[in-house]
């Protein structure tokens, strides 16, 4: 039984609970492989927040492109973050955006292991 705190101490909250459920059935060797691959692919919520804030001053939509939401990223670029309203909403919901992305990444990595 692998423990999420031992393998991925940098994650917390809902992400830790979700990943903990995924790796609970893995052996320690499989969990360490999962952790190394997942750590390299996941997006940190603070990085998403910083790129979202940069959308106010530079180019809006960079955070959406980082989350592989190409269509929304291009829409934000051409509309100025939907006239900055979309950027404000994303700034409020940055943790949820990162969690949704990381949840998909964890499913992909778990299926690989």
Protein backbone atom coordinates (compact mmCIF):
# COMPACT_ATOMS: atom_id res chain seq x y z
CA UNK A 1 0.00 0.00 0.00
CA UNK A 2 1.55 3.23 -1.16
CA UNK A 3 1.07 6.49 0.68
CA UNK A 4 0.65 9.73 -1.24
CA UNK A 5 2.53 11.76 1.38
CA UNK A 6 5.61 9.57 1.01
CA UNK A 7 5.71 9.79 -2.77
CA UNK A 8 4.19 13.20 -3.55
CA UNK A 9 4.52 15.52 -0.53
CA UNK A 10 4.03 18.67 -2.63
CA UNK A 11 0.35 18.04 -3.43
CA UNK A 12 -2.49 18.82 -1.05
CA UNK A 13 -6.25 19.08 -0.78
CA UNK A 14 -8.53 17.39 -3.29
CA UNK A 15 -5.61 16.47 -5.51
CA UNK A 16 -3.95 14.53 -2.68
CA UNK A 17 -7.17 12.67 -1.94
CA UNK A 18 -7.71 11.79 -5.59
CA UNK A 19 -4.14 10.66 -6.20
CA UNK A 20 -4.17 8.78 -2.90
CA UNK A 21 -7.12 6.71 -4.11
CA UNK A 22 -5.31 5.97 -7.37
CA UNK A 23 -2.04 4.82 -5.83
CA UNK A 24 -3.50 2.98 -2.84
CA UNK A 25 -3.63 -0.27 -4.83
CA UNK A 26 -0.11 0.11 -6.26
CA UNK A 27 3.05 -1.37 -4.81
CA UNK A 28 5.77 0.97 -3.55
CA UNK A 29 7.82 0.50 -6.71
CA UNK A 30 4.83 1.23 -8.95
CA UNK A 31 3.87 4.21 -6.79
CA UNK A 32 7.36 5.70 -7.09
CA UNK A 33 7.19 5.30 -10.89
CA UNK A 34 3.75 6.91 -10.87
CA UNK A 35 5.04 9.77 -8.72
CA UNK A 36 8.01 10.52 -10.96
CA UNK A 37 5.92 10.57 -14.15
CA UNK A 38 3.03 12.46 -12.53
CA UNK A 39 5.35 15.04 -10.99
CA UNK A 40 6.83 15.83 -14.41
CA UNK A 41 3.43 16.21 -16.10
CA UNK A 42 1.28 17.97 -13.52
CA UNK A 43 0.69 21.72 -13.41
CA UNK A 44 1.18 23.64 -10.20
CA UNK A 45 -1.85 25.81 -9.28
CA UNK A 46 0.42 28.77 -8.45
CA UNK A 47 1.91 28.64 -11.95
CA UNK A 48 -1.61 28.79 -13.39
CA UNK A 49 -2.43 31.73 -11.13
CA UNK A 50 0.72 33.64 -12.14
CA UNK A 51 0.10 33.13 -15.86
CA UNK A 52 -3.51 34.17 -15.37
CA UNK A 53 -2.39 37.40 -13.67
CA UNK A 54 0.03 38.01 -16.54
CA UNK A 55 -3.03 37.87 -18.79
CA UNK A 56 -4.08 41.24 -17.40
CA UNK A 57 -0.84 42.90 -18.50
CA UNK A 58 0.53 40.89 -21.44
CA UNK A 59 -1.33 38.23 -23.38
CA UNK A 60 -4.53 36.74 -22.01
CA UNK A 61 -5.08 33.02 -22.44
CA UNK A 62 -1.57 31.71 -21.77
CA UNK A 63 -2.87 29.77 -18.76
CA UNK A 64 -5.50 28.08 -20.94
CA UNK A 65 -2.85 27.07 -23.46
CA UNK A 66 -0.75 25.60 -20.63
CA UNK A 67 -3.75 23.49 -19.61
CA UNK A 68 -4.08 22.11 -23.16
CA UNK A 69 -7.30 24.04 -23.72
CA UNK A 70 -6.16 25.28 -27.12
CA UNK A 71 -9.53 26.55 -28.32
CA UNK A 72 -10.20 28.60 -25.21
CA UNK A 73 -6.62 29.87 -25.22
CA UNK A 74 -6.92 31.17 -28.78
CA UNK A 75 -10.34 32.68 -27.97
CA UNK A 76 -8.86 34.47 -24.95
CA UNK A 77 -5.95 35.77 -27.03
CA UNK A 78 -8.21 37.24 -29.72
CA UNK A 79 -10.84 38.65 -27.33
CA UNK A 80 -8.54 39.98 -24.62
CA UNK A 81 -9.57 37.31 -22.14
CA UNK A 82 -13.21 37.79 -23.16
CA UNK A 83 -12.82 41.47 -22.30
CA UNK A 84 -10.97 40.48 -19.10
CA UNK A 85 -14.12 38.96 -17.56
CA UNK A 86 -13.02 35.42 -18.40
CA UNK A 87 -9.58 36.11 -17.02
CA UNK A 88 -11.08 37.35 -13.75
CA UNK A 89 -13.26 34.24 -13.48
CA UNK A 90 -10.24 32.03 -14.19
CA UNK A 91 -8.24 33.89 -11.54
CA UNK A 92 -10.93 33.05 -8.99
CA UNK A 93 -11.09 29.40 -10.15
CA UNK A 94 -7.39 28.76 -10.82
CA UNK A 95 -7.18 25.88 -8.32
CA UNK A 96 -10.12 24.10 -9.93
CA UNK A 97 -8.64 24.55 -13.41
CA UNK A 98 -5.34 23.03 -12.25
CA UNK A 99 -7.12 20.19 -10.44
CA UNK A 100 -9.16 19.28 -13.52
CA UNK A 101 -6.01 19.14 -15.62
CA UNK A 102 -4.06 17.19 -13.00
CA UNK A 103 -6.93 14.73 -12.57
CA UNK A 104 -6.80 13.86 -16.28
CA UNK A 105 -3.01 13.56 -16.14
CA UNK A 106 -3.21 11.23 -13.14
CA UNK A 107 -5.70 8.99 -14.96
CA UNK A 108 -3.37 8.79 -17.97
CA UNK A 109 -0.31 8.04 -15.84
CA UNK A 110 -2.19 5.44 -13.79
CA UNK A 111 -3.26 3.64 -16.96
CA UNK A 112 0.39 3.59 -18.10
CA UNK A 113 1.54 1.99 -14.86
